[in-house]
PDB file of N, CA and C in Angstrom:
ATOM      1  N   VAL A   1     -14.716  -1.964  -0.659  1.00  0.00           N
ATOM      2  CA  VAL A   1     -13.432  -2.405  -0.212  1.00  0.00           C
ATOM      3  C   VAL A   1     -13.111  -1.732   1.108  1.00  0.00           C
ATOM      4  N   CYS A   2     -12.706  -2.437   2.039  1.00  0.00           N
ATOM      5  CA  CYS A   2     -12.325  -1.889   3.367  1.00  0.00           C
ATOM      6  C   CYS A   2     -10.873  -1.568   3.421  1.00  0.00           C
ATOM      7  N   GLN A   3     -10.500  -0.477   4.006  1.00  0.00           N
ATOM      8  CA  GLN A   3      -9.087   0.016   4.075  1.00  0.00           C
ATOM      9  C   GLN A   3      -8.568  -0.019   5.493  1.00  0.00           C
ATOM     10  N   GLU A   4      -9.146  -0.904   6.318  1.00  0.00           N
ATOM     11  CA  GLU A   4      -8.641  -1.004   7.706  1.00  0.00           C
ATOM     12  C   GLU A   4      -7.202  -1.528   7.788  1.00  0.00           C
ATOM     13  N   ASP A   5      -6.877  -2.467   6.879  1.00  0.00           N
ATOM     14  CA  ASP A   5      -5.536  -3.079   6.946  1.00  0.00           C
ATOM     15  C   ASP A   5      -4.375  -2.166   6.432  1.00  0.00           C
ATOM     16  N   ALA A   6      -4.728  -1.272   5.619  1.00  0.00           N
ATOM     17  CA  ALA A   6      -3.657  -0.384   5.036  1.00  0.00           C
ATOM     18  C   ALA A   6      -3.990   1.027   5.290  1.00  0.00           C
ATOM     19  N   PRO A   7      -3.082   1.708   6.058  1.00  0.00           N
ATOM     20  CA  PRO A   7      -3.291   3.122   6.293  1.00  0.00           C
ATOM     21  C   PRO A   7      -3.116   3.994   5.023  1.00  0.00           C
ATOM     22  N   ILE A   8      -3.767   5.171   4.956  1.00  0.00           N
ATOM     23  CA  ILE A   8      -3.613   5.977   3.783  1.00  0.00           C
ATOM     24  C   ILE A   8      -2.232   6.598   3.878  1.00  0.00           C
ATOM     25  N   ARG A   9      -1.498   6.487   2.826  1.00  0.00           N
ATOM     26  CA  ARG A   9      -0.185   7.086   2.799  1.00  0.00           C
ATOM     27  C   ARG A   9      -0.247   8.606   2.666  1.00  0.00           C
ATOM     28  N   ARG A  10       0.835   9.302   2.865  1.00  0.00           N
ATOM     29  CA  ARG A  10       0.695  10.744   2.792  1.00  0.00           C
ATOM     30  C   ARG A  10       0.399  11.255   1.349  1.00  0.00           C
ATOM     31  N   LEU A  11      -0.437  12.302   1.349  1.00  0.00           N
ATOM     32  CA  LEU A  11      -0.840  12.824   0.053  1.00  0.00           C
ATOM     33  C   LEU A  11       0.299  13.722  -0.470  1.00  0.00           C
ATOM     34  N   LYS A  12       0.505  13.648  -1.771  1.00  0.00           N
ATOM     35  CA  LYS A  12       1.522  14.447  -2.331  1.00  0.00           C
ATOM     36  C   LYS A  12       0.999  15.910  -2.513  1.00  0.00           C
ATOM     37  N   TRP A  13       1.879  16.950  -2.650  1.00  0.00           N
ATOM     38  CA  TRP A  13       1.468  18.265  -2.648  1.00  0.00           C
ATOM     39  C   TRP A  13       0.507  18.573  -3.838  1.00  0.00           C
ATOM     40  N   GLY A  14       0.710  17.918  -4.927  1.00  0.00           N
ATOM     41  CA  GLY A  14      -0.226  18.134  -6.116  1.00  0.00           C
ATOM     42  C   GLY A  14      -1.651  17.810  -5.736  1.00  0.00           C
ATOM     43  N   THR A  15      -1.894  16.778  -4.934  1.00  0.00           N
ATOM     44  CA  THR A  15      -3.197  16.516  -4.473  1.00  0.00           C
ATOM     45  C   THR A  15      -3.749  17.578  -3.550  1.00  0.00           C
ATOM     46  N   ALA A  16      -2.920  17.988  -2.558  1.00  0.00           N
ATOM     47  CA  ALA A  16      -3.317  19.020  -1.660  1.00  0.00           C
ATOM     48  C   ALA A  16      -3.595  20.322  -2.346  1.00  0.00           C
ATOM     49  N   SER A  17      -2.780  20.617  -3.354  1.00  0.00           N
ATOM     50  CA  SER A  17      -2.927  21.878  -4.071  1.00  0.00           C
ATOM     51  C   SER A  17      -4.278  21.899  -4.833  1.00  0.00           C
ATOM     52  N   LEU A  18      -4.659  20.788  -5.431  1.00  0.00           N
ATOM     53  CA  LEU A  18      -5.962  20.678  -6.122  1.00  0.00           C
ATOM     54  C   LEU A  18      -7.130  20.839  -5.138  1.00  0.00           C
ATOM     55  N   ILE A  19      -6.964  20.294  -3.937  1.00  0.00           N
ATOM     56  CA  ILE A  19      -8.027  20.381  -3.025  1.00  0.00           C
ATOM     57  C   ILE A  19      -8.154  21.792  -2.496  1.00  0.00           C
ATOM     58  N   ALA A  20      -7.018  22.455  -2.173  1.00  0.00           N
ATOM     59  CA  ALA A  20      -6.985  23.792  -1.650  1.00  0.00           C
ATOM     60  C   ALA A  20      -7.480  24.845  -2.601  1.00  0.00           C
ATOM     61  N   ARG A  21      -7.247  24.637  -3.913  1.00  0.00           N
ATOM     62  CA  ARG A  21      -7.547  25.624  -4.939  1.00  0.00           C
ATOM     63  C   ARG A  21      -8.897  25.327  -5.662  1.00  0.00           C
ATOM     64  N   ALA A  22      -9.662  24.297  -5.258  1.00  0.00           N
ATOM     65  CA  ALA A  22     -10.853  24.001  -5.932  1.00  0.00           C
ATOM     66  C   ALA A  22     -11.897  24.999  -5.653  1.00  0.00           C
ATOM     67  N   PRO A  23     -12.729  25.383  -6.676  1.00  0.00           N
ATOM     68  CA  PRO A  23     -13.756  26.361  -6.357  1.00  0.00           C
ATOM     69  C   PRO A  23     -14.885  25.857  -5.520  1.00  0.00           C
ATOM     70  N   VAL A  24     -15.090  24.530  -5.458  1.00  0.00           N
ATOM     71  CA  VAL A  24     -16.062  23.909  -4.536  1.00  0.00           C
ATOM     72  C   VAL A  24     -15.291  22.861  -3.726  1.00  0.00           C
ATOM     73  N   THR A  25     -15.809  22.567  -2.559  1.00  0.00           N
ATOM     74  CA  THR A  25     -15.109  21.511  -1.750  1.00  0.00           C
ATOM     75  C   THR A  25     -15.207  20.177  -2.394  1.00  0.00           C
ATOM     76  N   PRO A  26     -14.059  19.584  -2.756  1.00  0.00           N
ATOM     77  CA  PRO A  26     -14.095  18.259  -3.444  1.00  0.00           C
ATOM     78  C   PRO A  26     -14.259  17.117  -2.471  1.00  0.00           C
ATOM     79  N   ILE A  27     -14.713  16.025  -2.984  1.00  0.00           N
ATOM     80  CA  ILE A  27     -14.729  14.701  -2.222  1.00  0.00           C
ATOM     81  C   ILE A  27     -13.652  13.924  -2.870  1.00  0.00           C
ATOM     82  N   VAL A  28     -12.671  13.424  -2.085  1.00  0.00           N
ATOM     83  CA  VAL A  28     -11.522  12.677  -2.525  1.00  0.00           C
ATOM     84  C   VAL A  28     -11.783  11.216  -2.349  1.00  0.00           C
ATOM     85  N   LEU A  29     -11.524  10.417  -3.372  1.00  0.00           N
ATOM     86  CA  LEU A  29     -11.657   8.990  -3.255  1.00  0.00           C
ATOM     87  C   LEU A  29     -10.256   8.386  -3.327  1.00  0.00           C
ATOM     88  N   PRO A  30      -9.711   7.921  -2.219  1.00  0.00           N
ATOM     89  CA  PRO A  30      -8.326   7.331  -2.219  1.00  0.00           C
ATOM     90  C   PRO A  30      -8.309   5.976  -2.949  1.00  0.00           C
ATOM     91  N   ILE A  31      -7.317   5.825  -3.781  1.00  0.00           N
ATOM     92  CA  ILE A  31      -7.086   4.561  -4.432  1.00  0.00           C
ATOM     93  C   ILE A  31      -5.651   4.211  -4.378  1.00  0.00           C
ATOM     94  N   ILE A  32      -5.382   2.980  -3.981  1.00  0.00           N
ATOM     95  CA  ILE A  32      -4.017   2.412  -3.884  1.00  0.00           C
ATOM     96  C   ILE A  32      -3.945   1.199  -4.861  1.00  0.00           C
ATOM     97  N   HIS A  33      -2.861   1.162  -5.552  1.00  0.00           N
ATOM     98  CA  HIS A  33      -2.711  -0.018  -6.517  1.00  0.00           C
ATOM     99  C   HIS A  33      -1.296  -0.559  -6.411  1.00  0.00           C
ATOM    100  N   HIS A  34      -1.245  -1.892  -6.523  1.00  0.00           N
ATOM    101  CA  HIS A  34      -0.012  -2.605  -6.471  1.00  0.00           C
ATOM    102  C   HIS A  34       0.043  -3.611  -7.592  1.00  0.00           C
ATOM    103  N   GLY A  35       1.142  -3.826  -8.220  1.00  0.00           N
ATOM    104  CA  GLY A  35       1.311  -4.842  -9.242  1.00  0.00           C
ATOM    105  C   GLY A  35       1.354  -4.380 -10.666  1.00  0.00           C
ATOM    106  N   PHE A  36       1.125  -3.087 -10.913  1.00  0.00           N
ATOM    107  CA  PHE A  36       1.211  -2.652 -12.237  1.00  0.00           C
ATOM    108  C   PHE A  36       2.604  -2.690 -12.812  1.00  0.00           C
ATOM    109  N   GLU A  37       3.575  -2.555 -11.897  1.00  0.00           N
ATOM    110  CA  GLU A  37       5.023  -2.648 -12.339  1.00  0.00           C
ATOM    111  C   GLU A  37       5.398  -4.062 -12.846  1.00  0.00           C
ATOM    112  N   LYS A  38       4.623  -5.032 -12.466  1.00  0.00           N
ATOM    113  CA  LYS A  38       4.795  -6.409 -13.046  1.00  0.00           C
ATOM    114  C   LYS A  38       4.141  -6.551 -14.379  1.00  0.00           C
ATOM    115  N   VAL A  39       3.033  -5.817 -14.607  1.00  0.00           N
ATOM    116  CA  VAL A  39       2.365  -5.925 -15.928  1.00  0.00           C
ATOM    117  C   VAL A  39       3.161  -5.306 -17.062  1.00  0.00           C
ATOM    118  N   MET A  40       3.679  -4.095 -16.723  1.00  0.00           N
ATOM    119  CA  MET A  40       4.557  -3.420 -17.766  1.00  0.00           C
ATOM    120  C   MET A  40       5.846  -3.030 -17.101  1.00  0.00           C
ATOM    121  N   PRO A  41       6.761  -3.966 -16.894  1.00  0.00           N
ATOM    122  CA  PRO A  41       7.971  -3.615 -16.240  1.00  0.00           C
ATOM    123  C   PRO A  41       8.888  -2.708 -17.093  1.00  0.00           C
ATOM    124  N   GLU A  42       9.602  -1.854 -16.413  1.00  0.00           N
ATOM    125  CA  GLU A  42      10.523  -0.907 -17.124  1.00  0.00           C
ATOM    126  C   GLU A  42      11.609  -1.619 -17.964  1.00  0.00           C
ATOM    127  N   ASN A  43      12.228  -2.561 -17.276  1.00  0.00           N
ATOM    128  CA  ASN A  43      13.374  -3.304 -17.913  1.00  0.00           C
ATOM    129  C   ASN A  43      12.978  -4.737 -18.035  1.00  0.00           C
ATOM    130  N   TYR A  44      12.307  -5.045 -19.140  1.00  0.00           N
ATOM    131  CA  TYR A  44      11.728  -6.465 -19.278  1.00  0.00           C
ATOM    132  C   TYR A  44      12.833  -7.254 -20.035  1.00  0.00           C
ATOM    133  N   ALA A  45      13.197  -6.809 -21.271  1.00  0.00           N
ATOM    134  CA  ALA A  45      14.217  -7.453 -22.114  1.00  0.00           C
ATOM    135  C   ALA A  45      15.021  -6.428 -22.789  1.00  0.00           C
ATOM    136  N   PHE A  46      16.287  -6.439 -22.756  1.00  0.00           N
ATOM    137  CA  PHE A  46      17.146  -5.471 -23.382  1.00  0.00           C
ATOM    138  C   PHE A  46      16.954  -4.110 -22.882  1.00  0.00           C
ATOM    139  N   GLY A  47      16.501  -3.976 -21.586  1.00  0.00           N
ATOM    140  CA  GLY A  47      16.271  -2.588 -21.008  1.00  0.00           C
ATOM    141  C   GLY A  47      15.036  -1.958 -21.554  1.00  0.00           C
ATOM    142  N   ARG A  48      14.161  -2.620 -22.114  1.00  0.00           N
ATOM    143  CA  ARG A  48      12.948  -2.030 -22.718  1.00  0.00           C
ATOM    144  C   ARG A  48      11.685  -2.629 -22.100  1.00  0.00           C
ATOM    145  N   ARG A  49      10.576  -1.967 -22.256  1.00  0.00           N
ATOM    146  CA  ARG A  49       9.297  -2.490 -21.869  1.00  0.00           C
ATOM    147  C   ARG A  49       8.825  -3.622 -22.838  1.00  0.00           C
ATOM    148  N   PRO A  50       7.968  -4.489 -22.389  1.00  0.00           N
ATOM    149  CA  PRO A  50       7.419  -5.504 -23.268  1.00  0.00           C
ATOM    150  C   PRO A  50       6.511  -4.883 -24.294  1.00  0.00           C
ATOM    151  N   PRO A  51       6.424  -5.443 -25.499  1.00  0.00           N
ATOM    152  CA  PRO A  51       5.510  -4.832 -26.538  1.00  0.00           C
ATOM    153  C   PRO A  51       4.050  -4.857 -26.174  1.00  0.00           C
ATOM    154  N   ILE A  52       3.622  -5.858 -25.393  1.00  0.00           N
ATOM    155  CA  ILE A  52       2.253  -5.904 -24.923  1.00  0.00           C
ATOM    156  C   ILE A  52       2.290  -6.178 -23.445  1.00  0.00           C
ATOM    157  N   PRO A  53       1.228  -5.787 -22.671  1.00  0.00           N
ATOM    158  CA  PRO A  53       1.255  -6.069 -21.206  1.00  0.00           C
ATOM    159  C   PRO A  53       1.349  -7.594 -20.908  1.00  0.00           C
ATOM    160  N   LEU A  54       2.053  -7.896 -19.835  1.00  0.00           N
ATOM    161  CA  LEU A  54       2.182  -9.294 -19.366  1.00  0.00           C
ATOM    162  C   LEU A  54       0.823  -9.625 -18.672  1.00  0.00           C
ATOM    163  N   TRP A  55       0.164 -10.642 -19.120  1.00  0.00           N
ATOM    164  CA  TRP A  55      -1.150 -10.956 -18.706  1.00  0.00           C
ATOM    165  C   TRP A  55      -1.195 -11.833 -17.440  1.00  0.00           C
ATOM    166  N   ASN A  56      -0.113 -12.560 -17.157  1.00  0.00           N
ATOM    167  CA  ASN A  56      -0.140 -13.498 -16.117  1.00  0.00           C
ATOM    168  C   ASN A  56       0.444 -12.934 -14.781  1.00  0.00           C
ATOM    169  N   GLN A  57      -0.043 -11.706 -14.465  1.00  0.00           N
ATOM    170  CA  GLN A  57       0.462 -11.057 -13.294  1.00  0.00           C
ATOM    171  C   GLN A  57      -0.711 -10.641 -12.364  1.00  0.00           C
ATOM    172  N   GLU A  58      -0.424 -10.572 -11.038  1.00  0.00           N
ATOM    173  CA  GLU A  58      -1.475 -10.205 -10.103  1.00  0.00           C
ATOM    174  C   GLU A  58      -1.477  -8.708  -9.876  1.00  0.00           C
ATOM    175  N   ILE A  59      -2.621  -8.011  -9.884  1.00  0.00           N
ATOM    176  CA  ILE A  59      -2.898  -6.659  -9.663  1.00  0.00           C
ATOM    177  C   ILE A  59      -3.774  -6.543  -8.455  1.00  0.00           C
ATOM    178  N   LYS A  60      -3.377  -5.647  -7.498  1.00  0.00           N
ATOM    179  CA  LYS A  60      -4.280  -5.392  -6.370  1.00  0.00           C
ATOM    180  C   LYS A  60      -4.630  -3.948  -6.339  1.00  0.00           C
ATOM    181  N   ILE A  61      -5.947  -3.706  -6.347  1.00  0.00           N
ATOM    182  CA  ILE A  61      -6.466  -2.278  -6.253  1.00  0.00           C
ATOM    183  C   ILE A  61      -7.321  -2.180  -4.965  1.00  0.00           C
ATOM    184  N   ILE A  62      -7.049  -1.225  -4.192  1.00  0.00           N
ATOM    185  CA  ILE A  62      -7.732  -0.953  -2.914  1.00  0.00           C
ATOM    186  C   ILE A  62      -8.421   0.417  -3.032  1.00  0.00           C
ATOM    187  N   ILE A  63      -9.752   0.536  -2.904  1.00  0.00           N
ATOM    188  CA  ILE A  63     -10.481   1.718  -2.988  1.00  0.00           C
ATOM    189  C   ILE A  63     -10.954   2.074  -1.562  1.00  0.00           C
ATOM    190  N   GLY A  64     -10.569   3.245  -1.040  1.00  0.00           N
ATOM    191  CA  GLY A  64     -10.972   3.611   0.287  1.00  0.00           C
ATOM    192  C   GLY A  64     -12.267   4.359   0.347  1.00  0.00           C
ATOM    193  N   GLU A  65     -12.588   4.736   1.496  1.00  0.00           N
ATOM    194  CA  GLU A  65     -13.888   5.494   1.705  1.00  0.00           C
ATOM    195  C   GLU A  65     -13.725   6.921   1.211  1.00  0.00           C
ATOM    196  N   PRO A  66     -14.721   7.538   0.634  1.00  0.00           N
ATOM    197  CA  PRO A  66     -14.632   8.959   0.168  1.00  0.00           C
ATOM    198  C   PRO A  66     -14.303   9.825   1.404  1.00  0.00           C
ATOM    199  N   MET A  67     -13.471  10.850   1.145  1.00  0.00           N
ATOM    200  CA  MET A  67     -13.022  11.750   2.191  1.00  0.00           C
ATOM    201  C   MET A  67     -13.558  13.170   1.790  1.00  0.00           C
ATOM    202  N   GLU A  68     -14.176  13.827   2.766  1.00  0.00           N
ATOM    203  CA  GLU A  68     -14.640  15.246   2.516  1.00  0.00           C
ATOM    204  C   GLU A  68     -13.782  16.182   3.374  1.00  0.00           C
ATOM    205  N   PHE A  69     -13.519  17.366   2.859  1.00  0.00           N
ATOM    206  CA  PHE A  69     -12.704  18.344   3.502  1.00  0.00           C
ATOM    207  C   PHE A  69     -13.479  19.569   3.715  1.00  0.00           C
ATOM    208  N   ASN A  70     -13.334  20.157   4.932  1.00  0.00           N
ATOM    209  CA  ASN A  70     -14.001  21.415   5.230  1.00  0.00           C
ATOM    210  C   ASN A  70     -12.971  22.510   5.146  1.00  0.00           C
ATOM    211  N   LEU A  71     -13.023  23.267   4.032  1.00  0.00           N
ATOM    212  CA  LEU A  71     -12.061  24.306   3.837  1.00  0.00           C
ATOM    213  C   LEU A  71     -12.701  25.661   4.122  1.00  0.00           C
ATOM    214  N   PRO A  72     -11.938  26.584   4.628  1.00  0.00           N
ATOM    215  CA  PRO A  72     -12.509  27.967   4.886  1.00  0.00           C
ATOM    216  C   PRO A  72     -12.813  28.720   3.603  1.00  0.00           C
TER     217      PRO A  72
END
């Protein structure tokens, strides 16, 4: 999957902390997903989630190129 159309959004500190504290330099595989909020919406009926996932929804998953980090 090519990620030229969508830039990588900023990494959250939890991700950076895991990378910085790893005993070996990790390889990070960025994954972006859209549409899961339509499959299991928070407020579906009566302010609750549906009992089973909604099957007729579109989900988009983008997997980027692996990223290597050179840490001191």
